N, C-alpha and C. Protein backbone atom coordinates (compact mmCIF):
# COMPACT_ATOMS: atom_id res chain seq x y z
N UNK A 1 -43.42 -66.41 -22.86
CA UNK A 1 -42.94 -66.81 -24.15
C UNK A 1 -42.10 -65.70 -24.73
N UNK A 2 -40.96 -66.07 -25.21
CA UNK A 2 -40.07 -65.07 -25.78
C UNK A 2 -40.51 -64.72 -27.19
N UNK A 3 -40.33 -63.46 -27.52
CA UNK A 3 -40.65 -63.05 -28.89
C UNK A 3 -39.48 -63.45 -29.78
N UNK A 4 -39.77 -63.63 -31.05
CA UNK A 4 -38.74 -63.99 -32.00
C UNK A 4 -38.49 -62.84 -32.94
N UNK A 5 -37.27 -62.78 -33.46
CA UNK A 5 -36.97 -61.75 -34.45
C UNK A 5 -37.65 -62.13 -35.76
N UNK A 6 -38.22 -61.15 -36.45
CA UNK A 6 -38.86 -61.46 -37.73
C UNK A 6 -37.86 -62.02 -38.74
N UNK A 7 -38.32 -62.92 -39.57
CA UNK A 7 -37.53 -63.44 -40.66
C UNK A 7 -37.23 -62.28 -41.60
N UNK A 8 -35.96 -62.05 -41.97
CA UNK A 8 -35.65 -60.89 -42.82
C UNK A 8 -36.28 -60.96 -44.21
N UNK A 9 -36.62 -62.14 -44.68
CA UNK A 9 -37.20 -62.27 -46.01
C UNK A 9 -38.71 -62.07 -45.96
N UNK A 10 -39.39 -62.76 -45.02
CA UNK A 10 -40.85 -62.71 -44.97
C UNK A 10 -41.37 -61.62 -44.04
N UNK A 11 -40.54 -61.20 -43.09
CA UNK A 11 -40.99 -60.24 -42.09
C UNK A 11 -41.85 -60.87 -41.01
N UNK A 12 -41.98 -62.21 -41.05
CA UNK A 12 -42.82 -62.92 -40.08
C UNK A 12 -41.97 -63.53 -38.97
N UNK A 13 -42.52 -63.61 -37.77
CA UNK A 13 -41.79 -64.26 -36.67
C UNK A 13 -41.77 -65.77 -36.88
N UNK A 14 -40.86 -66.44 -36.17
CA UNK A 14 -40.83 -67.91 -36.20
C UNK A 14 -42.15 -68.43 -35.64
N UNK A 15 -42.64 -69.56 -36.17
CA UNK A 15 -43.90 -70.11 -35.65
C UNK A 15 -43.77 -70.50 -34.17
N UNK A 16 -44.88 -70.41 -33.46
CA UNK A 16 -44.92 -70.88 -32.08
C UNK A 16 -44.86 -72.41 -32.10
N UNK A 17 -44.21 -73.01 -31.11
CA UNK A 17 -44.19 -74.46 -31.00
C UNK A 17 -45.58 -74.94 -30.58
N UNK A 18 -45.85 -76.22 -30.78
CA UNK A 18 -47.13 -76.78 -30.36
C UNK A 18 -47.41 -76.54 -28.89
N UNK A 19 -46.38 -76.71 -28.06
CA UNK A 19 -46.53 -76.47 -26.63
C UNK A 19 -46.88 -75.01 -26.36
N UNK A 20 -46.15 -74.09 -27.02
CA UNK A 20 -46.41 -72.66 -26.83
C UNK A 20 -47.82 -72.28 -27.25
N UNK A 21 -48.34 -72.91 -28.31
CA UNK A 21 -49.70 -72.63 -28.76
C UNK A 21 -50.69 -73.06 -27.68
N UNK A 22 -50.50 -74.27 -27.14
CA UNK A 22 -51.43 -74.76 -26.09
C UNK A 22 -51.40 -73.85 -24.87
N UNK A 23 -50.22 -73.41 -24.47
CA UNK A 23 -50.10 -72.52 -23.32
C UNK A 23 -50.75 -71.17 -23.65
N UNK A 24 -50.44 -70.63 -24.83
CA UNK A 24 -50.95 -69.31 -25.21
C UNK A 24 -52.47 -69.30 -25.33
N UNK A 25 -53.07 -70.41 -25.77
CA UNK A 25 -54.53 -70.46 -25.87
C UNK A 25 -55.19 -70.19 -24.52
N UNK A 26 -54.51 -70.55 -23.46
CA UNK A 26 -55.07 -70.35 -22.12
C UNK A 26 -54.56 -69.08 -21.42
N UNK A 27 -53.39 -68.59 -21.85
CA UNK A 27 -52.75 -67.52 -21.07
C UNK A 27 -52.46 -66.23 -21.83
N UNK A 28 -52.62 -66.22 -23.14
CA UNK A 28 -52.28 -65.01 -23.91
C UNK A 28 -53.13 -63.83 -23.44
N UNK A 29 -52.53 -62.67 -23.36
CA UNK A 29 -53.32 -61.49 -22.95
C UNK A 29 -54.39 -61.17 -23.99
N UNK A 30 -55.52 -60.72 -23.52
CA UNK A 30 -56.60 -60.31 -24.41
C UNK A 30 -56.25 -58.97 -25.05
N UNK A 31 -56.62 -58.84 -26.31
CA UNK A 31 -56.47 -57.55 -26.99
C UNK A 31 -57.59 -56.66 -26.50
N UNK A 32 -57.25 -55.54 -25.87
CA UNK A 32 -58.21 -54.59 -25.32
C UNK A 32 -57.96 -53.23 -25.98
N UNK A 33 -58.49 -53.07 -27.18
CA UNK A 33 -58.16 -51.88 -27.96
C UNK A 33 -58.96 -50.64 -27.59
N UNK A 34 -58.37 -49.53 -27.90
CA UNK A 34 -59.07 -48.25 -27.92
C UNK A 34 -59.50 -48.02 -29.37
N UNK A 35 -60.52 -47.20 -29.61
CA UNK A 35 -60.93 -46.94 -31.00
C UNK A 35 -59.74 -46.49 -31.85
N UNK A 36 -59.63 -47.11 -33.03
CA UNK A 36 -58.55 -46.79 -33.95
C UNK A 36 -57.34 -47.70 -33.84
N UNK A 37 -57.27 -48.54 -32.81
CA UNK A 37 -56.12 -49.42 -32.65
C UNK A 37 -56.25 -50.65 -33.55
N UNK A 38 -55.08 -51.13 -34.03
CA UNK A 38 -55.02 -52.29 -34.92
C UNK A 38 -54.28 -53.43 -34.24
N UNK A 39 -54.69 -54.63 -34.61
CA UNK A 39 -53.98 -55.86 -34.26
C UNK A 39 -53.65 -56.52 -35.58
N UNK A 40 -52.37 -56.74 -35.83
CA UNK A 40 -51.92 -57.34 -37.09
C UNK A 40 -51.10 -58.57 -36.74
N UNK A 41 -51.47 -59.70 -37.32
CA UNK A 41 -50.71 -60.91 -37.03
C UNK A 41 -51.27 -62.13 -37.74
N UNK A 42 -50.74 -63.27 -37.35
CA UNK A 42 -51.05 -64.54 -37.98
C UNK A 42 -52.02 -65.31 -37.09
N UNK A 43 -53.16 -65.76 -37.64
CA UNK A 43 -54.04 -66.60 -36.84
C UNK A 43 -53.36 -67.94 -36.58
N UNK A 44 -53.43 -68.40 -35.33
CA UNK A 44 -52.70 -69.60 -34.94
C UNK A 44 -53.64 -70.72 -34.52
N UNK A 45 -54.63 -70.40 -33.70
CA UNK A 45 -55.52 -71.43 -33.15
C UNK A 45 -56.77 -70.75 -32.60
N UNK A 46 -57.76 -71.57 -32.27
CA UNK A 46 -58.99 -71.04 -31.69
C UNK A 46 -59.38 -71.86 -30.47
N UNK A 47 -60.22 -71.25 -29.66
CA UNK A 47 -60.86 -71.96 -28.56
C UNK A 47 -62.20 -71.29 -28.31
N UNK A 48 -63.01 -71.88 -27.47
CA UNK A 48 -64.29 -71.30 -27.09
C UNK A 48 -64.10 -70.52 -25.81
N UNK A 49 -64.52 -69.28 -25.82
CA UNK A 49 -64.46 -68.45 -24.63
C UNK A 49 -65.78 -68.51 -23.89
N UNK A 50 -65.71 -68.38 -22.59
CA UNK A 50 -66.92 -68.37 -21.78
C UNK A 50 -66.89 -67.14 -20.87
N UNK A 51 -68.07 -66.67 -20.54
CA UNK A 51 -68.21 -65.49 -19.70
C UNK A 51 -69.58 -65.50 -19.07
N UNK A 52 -69.68 -64.94 -17.88
CA UNK A 52 -71.01 -64.84 -17.26
C UNK A 52 -71.85 -63.77 -17.96
N UNK A 53 -71.19 -62.87 -18.71
CA UNK A 53 -71.90 -61.77 -19.36
C UNK A 53 -72.29 -62.04 -20.82
N UNK A 54 -71.70 -63.07 -21.43
CA UNK A 54 -71.94 -63.35 -22.85
C UNK A 54 -72.15 -64.85 -23.05
N UNK A 55 -72.88 -65.24 -24.10
CA UNK A 55 -72.90 -66.66 -24.47
C UNK A 55 -71.50 -67.06 -24.93
N UNK A 56 -71.26 -68.36 -25.05
CA UNK A 56 -69.95 -68.82 -25.53
C UNK A 56 -69.61 -68.11 -26.84
N UNK A 57 -68.34 -67.82 -27.04
CA UNK A 57 -67.89 -67.04 -28.19
C UNK A 57 -66.51 -67.53 -28.62
N UNK A 58 -66.12 -67.24 -29.89
CA UNK A 58 -64.80 -67.66 -30.34
C UNK A 58 -63.68 -66.77 -29.81
N UNK A 59 -62.57 -67.42 -29.51
CA UNK A 59 -61.33 -66.71 -29.16
C UNK A 59 -60.31 -67.13 -30.21
N UNK A 60 -59.74 -66.17 -30.90
CA UNK A 60 -58.77 -66.44 -31.94
C UNK A 60 -57.39 -66.03 -31.43
N UNK A 61 -56.47 -67.00 -31.39
CA UNK A 61 -55.11 -66.70 -30.97
C UNK A 61 -54.35 -66.15 -32.17
N UNK A 62 -53.79 -64.96 -31.99
CA UNK A 62 -53.03 -64.27 -33.04
C UNK A 62 -51.58 -64.15 -32.59
N UNK A 63 -50.66 -64.49 -33.49
CA UNK A 63 -49.25 -64.22 -33.23
C UNK A 63 -48.92 -62.91 -33.92
N UNK A 64 -48.61 -61.89 -33.13
CA UNK A 64 -48.31 -60.58 -33.71
C UNK A 64 -47.04 -60.65 -34.54
N UNK A 65 -46.79 -59.63 -35.32
CA UNK A 65 -45.58 -59.61 -36.14
C UNK A 65 -44.32 -59.49 -35.29
N UNK A 66 -44.48 -59.14 -34.02
CA UNK A 66 -43.36 -59.15 -33.07
C UNK A 66 -43.14 -60.53 -32.47
N UNK A 67 -44.05 -61.46 -32.76
CA UNK A 67 -43.93 -62.82 -32.25
C UNK A 67 -44.76 -63.10 -31.02
N UNK A 68 -45.39 -62.09 -30.43
CA UNK A 68 -46.15 -62.26 -29.20
C UNK A 68 -47.54 -62.83 -29.49
N UNK A 69 -48.00 -63.78 -28.66
CA UNK A 69 -49.37 -64.27 -28.80
C UNK A 69 -50.35 -63.31 -28.11
N UNK A 70 -51.46 -63.04 -28.79
CA UNK A 70 -52.52 -62.17 -28.26
C UNK A 70 -53.85 -62.85 -28.57
N UNK A 71 -54.78 -62.78 -27.63
CA UNK A 71 -56.10 -63.40 -27.81
C UNK A 71 -57.11 -62.36 -28.26
N UNK A 72 -57.77 -62.64 -29.39
CA UNK A 72 -58.87 -61.80 -29.86
C UNK A 72 -60.17 -62.46 -29.41
N UNK A 73 -60.83 -61.88 -28.42
CA UNK A 73 -62.08 -62.40 -27.88
C UNK A 73 -63.24 -61.81 -28.68
N UNK A 74 -63.87 -62.63 -29.50
CA UNK A 74 -64.95 -62.16 -30.38
C UNK A 74 -66.30 -62.34 -29.71
N UNK A 75 -66.52 -61.62 -28.59
CA UNK A 75 -67.82 -61.73 -27.94
C UNK A 75 -68.82 -60.73 -28.49
N UNK A 76 -68.35 -59.74 -29.25
CA UNK A 76 -69.28 -58.81 -29.88
C UNK A 76 -69.83 -59.41 -31.18
N UNK A 77 -71.11 -59.19 -31.43
CA UNK A 77 -71.81 -59.80 -32.57
C UNK A 77 -71.15 -59.49 -33.90
N UNK A 78 -70.79 -58.23 -34.14
CA UNK A 78 -70.20 -57.88 -35.43
C UNK A 78 -68.86 -58.57 -35.64
N UNK A 79 -68.06 -58.72 -34.59
CA UNK A 79 -66.78 -59.44 -34.71
C UNK A 79 -67.04 -60.92 -35.00
N UNK A 80 -67.99 -61.53 -34.31
CA UNK A 80 -68.31 -62.93 -34.56
C UNK A 80 -68.77 -63.14 -36.00
N UNK A 81 -69.65 -62.26 -36.46
CA UNK A 81 -70.17 -62.39 -37.83
C UNK A 81 -69.06 -62.29 -38.86
N UNK A 82 -68.15 -61.36 -38.65
CA UNK A 82 -67.05 -61.20 -39.62
C UNK A 82 -66.12 -62.41 -39.60
N UNK A 83 -65.85 -62.96 -38.42
CA UNK A 83 -65.01 -64.16 -38.35
C UNK A 83 -65.69 -65.32 -39.07
N UNK A 84 -67.01 -65.42 -38.95
CA UNK A 84 -67.74 -66.48 -39.67
C UNK A 84 -67.61 -66.29 -41.18
N UNK A 85 -67.73 -65.04 -41.65
CA UNK A 85 -67.58 -64.75 -43.08
C UNK A 85 -66.20 -65.14 -43.59
N UNK A 86 -65.19 -64.93 -42.76
CA UNK A 86 -63.80 -65.16 -43.16
C UNK A 86 -63.27 -66.53 -42.77
N UNK A 87 -64.13 -67.41 -42.25
CA UNK A 87 -63.66 -68.67 -41.67
C UNK A 87 -62.72 -69.44 -42.59
N UNK A 88 -63.10 -69.67 -43.83
CA UNK A 88 -62.25 -70.44 -44.75
C UNK A 88 -60.91 -69.74 -44.97
N UNK A 89 -60.93 -68.42 -45.09
CA UNK A 89 -59.69 -67.67 -45.29
C UNK A 89 -58.81 -67.68 -44.04
N UNK A 90 -59.43 -67.66 -42.86
CA UNK A 90 -58.67 -67.71 -41.61
C UNK A 90 -58.00 -69.07 -41.47
N UNK A 91 -58.71 -70.14 -41.80
CA UNK A 91 -58.12 -71.49 -41.75
C UNK A 91 -56.93 -71.57 -42.69
N UNK A 92 -57.08 -71.05 -43.91
CA UNK A 92 -55.98 -71.03 -44.89
C UNK A 92 -54.82 -70.20 -44.36
N UNK A 93 -55.12 -69.04 -43.78
CA UNK A 93 -54.07 -68.16 -43.26
C UNK A 93 -53.30 -68.82 -42.12
N UNK A 94 -54.00 -69.55 -41.27
CA UNK A 94 -53.33 -70.26 -40.17
C UNK A 94 -52.40 -71.33 -40.74
N UNK A 95 -52.88 -72.06 -41.72
CA UNK A 95 -52.08 -73.13 -42.32
C UNK A 95 -50.86 -72.57 -43.04
N UNK A 96 -51.03 -71.47 -43.77
CA UNK A 96 -49.96 -70.90 -44.59
C UNK A 96 -49.21 -69.75 -43.94
N UNK A 97 -49.53 -69.47 -42.67
CA UNK A 97 -48.89 -68.37 -41.92
C UNK A 97 -49.04 -67.04 -42.65
N UNK A 98 -50.30 -66.72 -42.98
CA UNK A 98 -50.61 -65.46 -43.63
C UNK A 98 -51.17 -64.48 -42.60
N UNK A 99 -51.01 -63.22 -42.87
CA UNK A 99 -51.34 -62.16 -41.92
C UNK A 99 -52.79 -61.70 -42.10
N UNK A 100 -53.39 -61.31 -40.99
CA UNK A 100 -54.70 -60.66 -41.04
C UNK A 100 -54.66 -59.43 -40.13
N UNK A 101 -55.63 -58.54 -40.34
CA UNK A 101 -55.68 -57.27 -39.63
C UNK A 101 -57.03 -57.09 -38.95
N UNK A 102 -56.98 -56.61 -37.72
CA UNK A 102 -58.17 -56.26 -36.94
C UNK A 102 -58.05 -54.77 -36.62
N UNK A 103 -59.13 -54.04 -36.82
CA UNK A 103 -59.18 -52.62 -36.47
C UNK A 103 -60.43 -52.42 -35.64
N UNK A 104 -60.27 -51.91 -34.42
CA UNK A 104 -61.43 -51.60 -33.58
C UNK A 104 -61.87 -50.18 -33.89
N UNK A 105 -63.11 -50.05 -34.35
CA UNK A 105 -63.63 -48.73 -34.73
C UNK A 105 -64.29 -48.00 -33.58
N UNK A 106 -64.73 -48.74 -32.56
CA UNK A 106 -65.33 -48.11 -31.39
C UNK A 106 -66.74 -48.57 -31.12
N UNK A 107 -67.33 -47.95 -30.12
CA UNK A 107 -68.70 -48.25 -29.71
C UNK A 107 -69.61 -47.14 -30.24
N UNK A 108 -70.76 -47.55 -30.78
CA UNK A 108 -71.67 -46.60 -31.40
C UNK A 108 -73.10 -46.84 -30.89
N UNK A 109 -73.86 -45.77 -30.78
CA UNK A 109 -75.27 -45.87 -30.39
C UNK A 109 -76.08 -46.21 -31.64
N UNK A 110 -77.00 -47.15 -31.51
CA UNK A 110 -77.80 -47.55 -32.66
C UNK A 110 -78.70 -46.39 -33.10
N UNK A 111 -78.99 -46.34 -34.40
CA UNK A 111 -79.84 -45.27 -34.93
C UNK A 111 -81.22 -45.28 -34.27
N UNK A 112 -81.71 -46.47 -33.97
CA UNK A 112 -83.06 -46.58 -33.39
C UNK A 112 -83.15 -45.94 -32.01
N UNK A 113 -82.02 -45.84 -31.31
CA UNK A 113 -82.09 -45.32 -29.94
C UNK A 113 -81.42 -43.95 -29.78
N UNK A 114 -80.93 -43.36 -30.87
CA UNK A 114 -80.35 -42.01 -30.77
C UNK A 114 -81.44 -41.05 -30.33
N UNK A 115 -81.08 -40.13 -29.46
CA UNK A 115 -82.04 -39.14 -28.99
C UNK A 115 -82.84 -39.59 -27.78
N UNK A 116 -82.75 -40.85 -27.42
CA UNK A 116 -83.44 -41.34 -26.23
C UNK A 116 -82.59 -41.07 -25.01
N UNK A 117 -83.20 -41.23 -23.87
CA UNK A 117 -82.45 -41.10 -22.61
C UNK A 117 -81.31 -42.12 -22.62
N UNK A 118 -80.13 -41.77 -22.06
CA UNK A 118 -78.99 -42.69 -22.06
C UNK A 118 -79.34 -44.10 -21.56
N UNK A 119 -80.19 -44.19 -20.55
CA UNK A 119 -80.53 -45.51 -20.01
C UNK A 119 -81.33 -46.35 -21.01
N UNK A 120 -81.95 -45.70 -22.01
CA UNK A 120 -82.76 -46.39 -23.02
C UNK A 120 -82.02 -46.59 -24.34
N UNK A 121 -80.76 -46.19 -24.39
CA UNK A 121 -79.99 -46.35 -25.62
C UNK A 121 -79.29 -47.70 -25.65
N UNK A 122 -79.14 -48.22 -26.85
CA UNK A 122 -78.34 -49.44 -27.03
C UNK A 122 -77.17 -49.10 -27.94
N UNK A 123 -76.08 -49.82 -27.76
CA UNK A 123 -74.90 -49.55 -28.55
C UNK A 123 -74.33 -50.86 -29.10
N UNK A 124 -73.40 -50.72 -30.01
CA UNK A 124 -72.72 -51.88 -30.58
C UNK A 124 -71.25 -51.52 -30.76
N UNK A 125 -70.40 -52.55 -30.81
CA UNK A 125 -68.97 -52.38 -31.03
C UNK A 125 -68.68 -52.78 -32.47
N UNK A 126 -67.97 -51.92 -33.18
CA UNK A 126 -67.72 -52.17 -34.59
C UNK A 126 -66.24 -52.44 -34.84
N UNK A 127 -65.99 -53.36 -35.78
CA UNK A 127 -64.64 -53.78 -36.14
C UNK A 127 -64.50 -53.83 -37.65
N UNK A 128 -63.30 -53.60 -38.13
CA UNK A 128 -62.93 -53.94 -39.49
C UNK A 128 -61.96 -55.10 -39.35
N UNK A 129 -62.27 -56.23 -39.97
CA UNK A 129 -61.42 -57.41 -39.90
C UNK A 129 -61.25 -57.90 -41.33
N UNK A 130 -59.99 -58.08 -41.76
CA UNK A 130 -59.75 -58.54 -43.11
C UNK A 130 -58.41 -59.28 -43.18
N UNK A 131 -58.23 -59.94 -44.28
CA UNK A 131 -57.01 -60.69 -44.50
C UNK A 131 -55.94 -59.75 -45.05
N UNK A 132 -54.70 -59.96 -44.66
CA UNK A 132 -53.58 -59.16 -45.14
C UNK A 132 -53.16 -58.10 -44.14
N UNK A 133 -52.05 -57.48 -44.44
CA UNK A 133 -51.54 -56.36 -43.64
C UNK A 133 -52.31 -55.11 -44.04
N UNK A 134 -52.38 -54.12 -43.17
CA UNK A 134 -53.15 -52.91 -43.51
C UNK A 134 -52.75 -52.31 -44.86
N UNK A 135 -51.45 -52.29 -45.14
CA UNK A 135 -51.01 -51.68 -46.39
C UNK A 135 -51.33 -52.53 -47.62
N UNK A 136 -51.70 -53.81 -47.40
CA UNK A 136 -52.01 -54.71 -48.52
C UNK A 136 -53.51 -54.84 -48.79
N UNK A 137 -54.34 -54.36 -47.88
CA UNK A 137 -55.79 -54.51 -48.04
C UNK A 137 -56.26 -53.54 -49.12
N UNK A 138 -56.99 -54.08 -50.09
CA UNK A 138 -57.49 -53.25 -51.19
C UNK A 138 -59.00 -53.37 -51.27
N UNK A 139 -59.61 -52.38 -51.86
CA UNK A 139 -61.06 -52.40 -52.06
C UNK A 139 -61.38 -53.26 -53.28
N UNK A 140 -62.48 -54.00 -53.19
CA UNK A 140 -62.94 -54.78 -54.33
C UNK A 140 -63.52 -53.83 -55.37
N UNK A 141 -63.42 -54.23 -56.61
CA UNK A 141 -64.04 -53.47 -57.71
C UNK A 141 -65.55 -53.51 -57.52
N UNK A 142 -66.25 -52.38 -57.53
CA UNK A 142 -67.69 -52.43 -57.35
C UNK A 142 -68.38 -53.14 -58.51
N UNK A 143 -69.32 -54.02 -58.16
CA UNK A 143 -70.02 -54.76 -59.23
C UNK A 143 -71.45 -54.24 -59.42
N UNK A 144 -72.02 -53.68 -58.39
CA UNK A 144 -73.38 -53.18 -58.41
C UNK A 144 -74.39 -54.25 -58.80
N UNK A 145 -74.03 -55.51 -58.54
CA UNK A 145 -74.98 -56.62 -58.74
C UNK A 145 -75.74 -56.81 -57.44
N UNK A 146 -77.01 -56.50 -57.46
CA UNK A 146 -77.81 -56.60 -56.24
C UNK A 146 -78.77 -57.76 -56.36
C-alpha cells in the first residue's frame, strides 16, 4: 500500500480505501516497539488476534500520520485494559479520523517478585495509550474524589 501525503490543512493522510483496510487487517506489520517508542495515528479497524501463547486478543489497525497501516497487537493485559477503557473514544476517533497515541514504556518486574531468583520473577509490559497527538495530551485537573 502506498503512503499518502498528509493533507496540508489537517496534517492527516488520505483515508485508506475499504479494500486497503481489509488487506491491511490481515497483512499490516505489527508494531514491535522498544521502550520509549511511540505509535501515533488514526484507529481504522479491529480484528481478533490469535496465538498459541496468548488467549484471543484485540488487534487495532492504526494508520500512521505517514499513511502506513500498522497493527497494534494488544495481547498484554495492561494494553487490553486501556483499550477497553477507551473503547467509546476509539470508535469515535475511527469515525471522525482523530489521532491517538501509544507509548511503550517497557517490561517491568512485579513488586511481589523483586529480589527473587530470575526464574521465579514475573513481569508485565506497560503502555501509555491516550487520545490525541503527544503534544495535545493534557493532564486532567486533579479532583481528589475517592
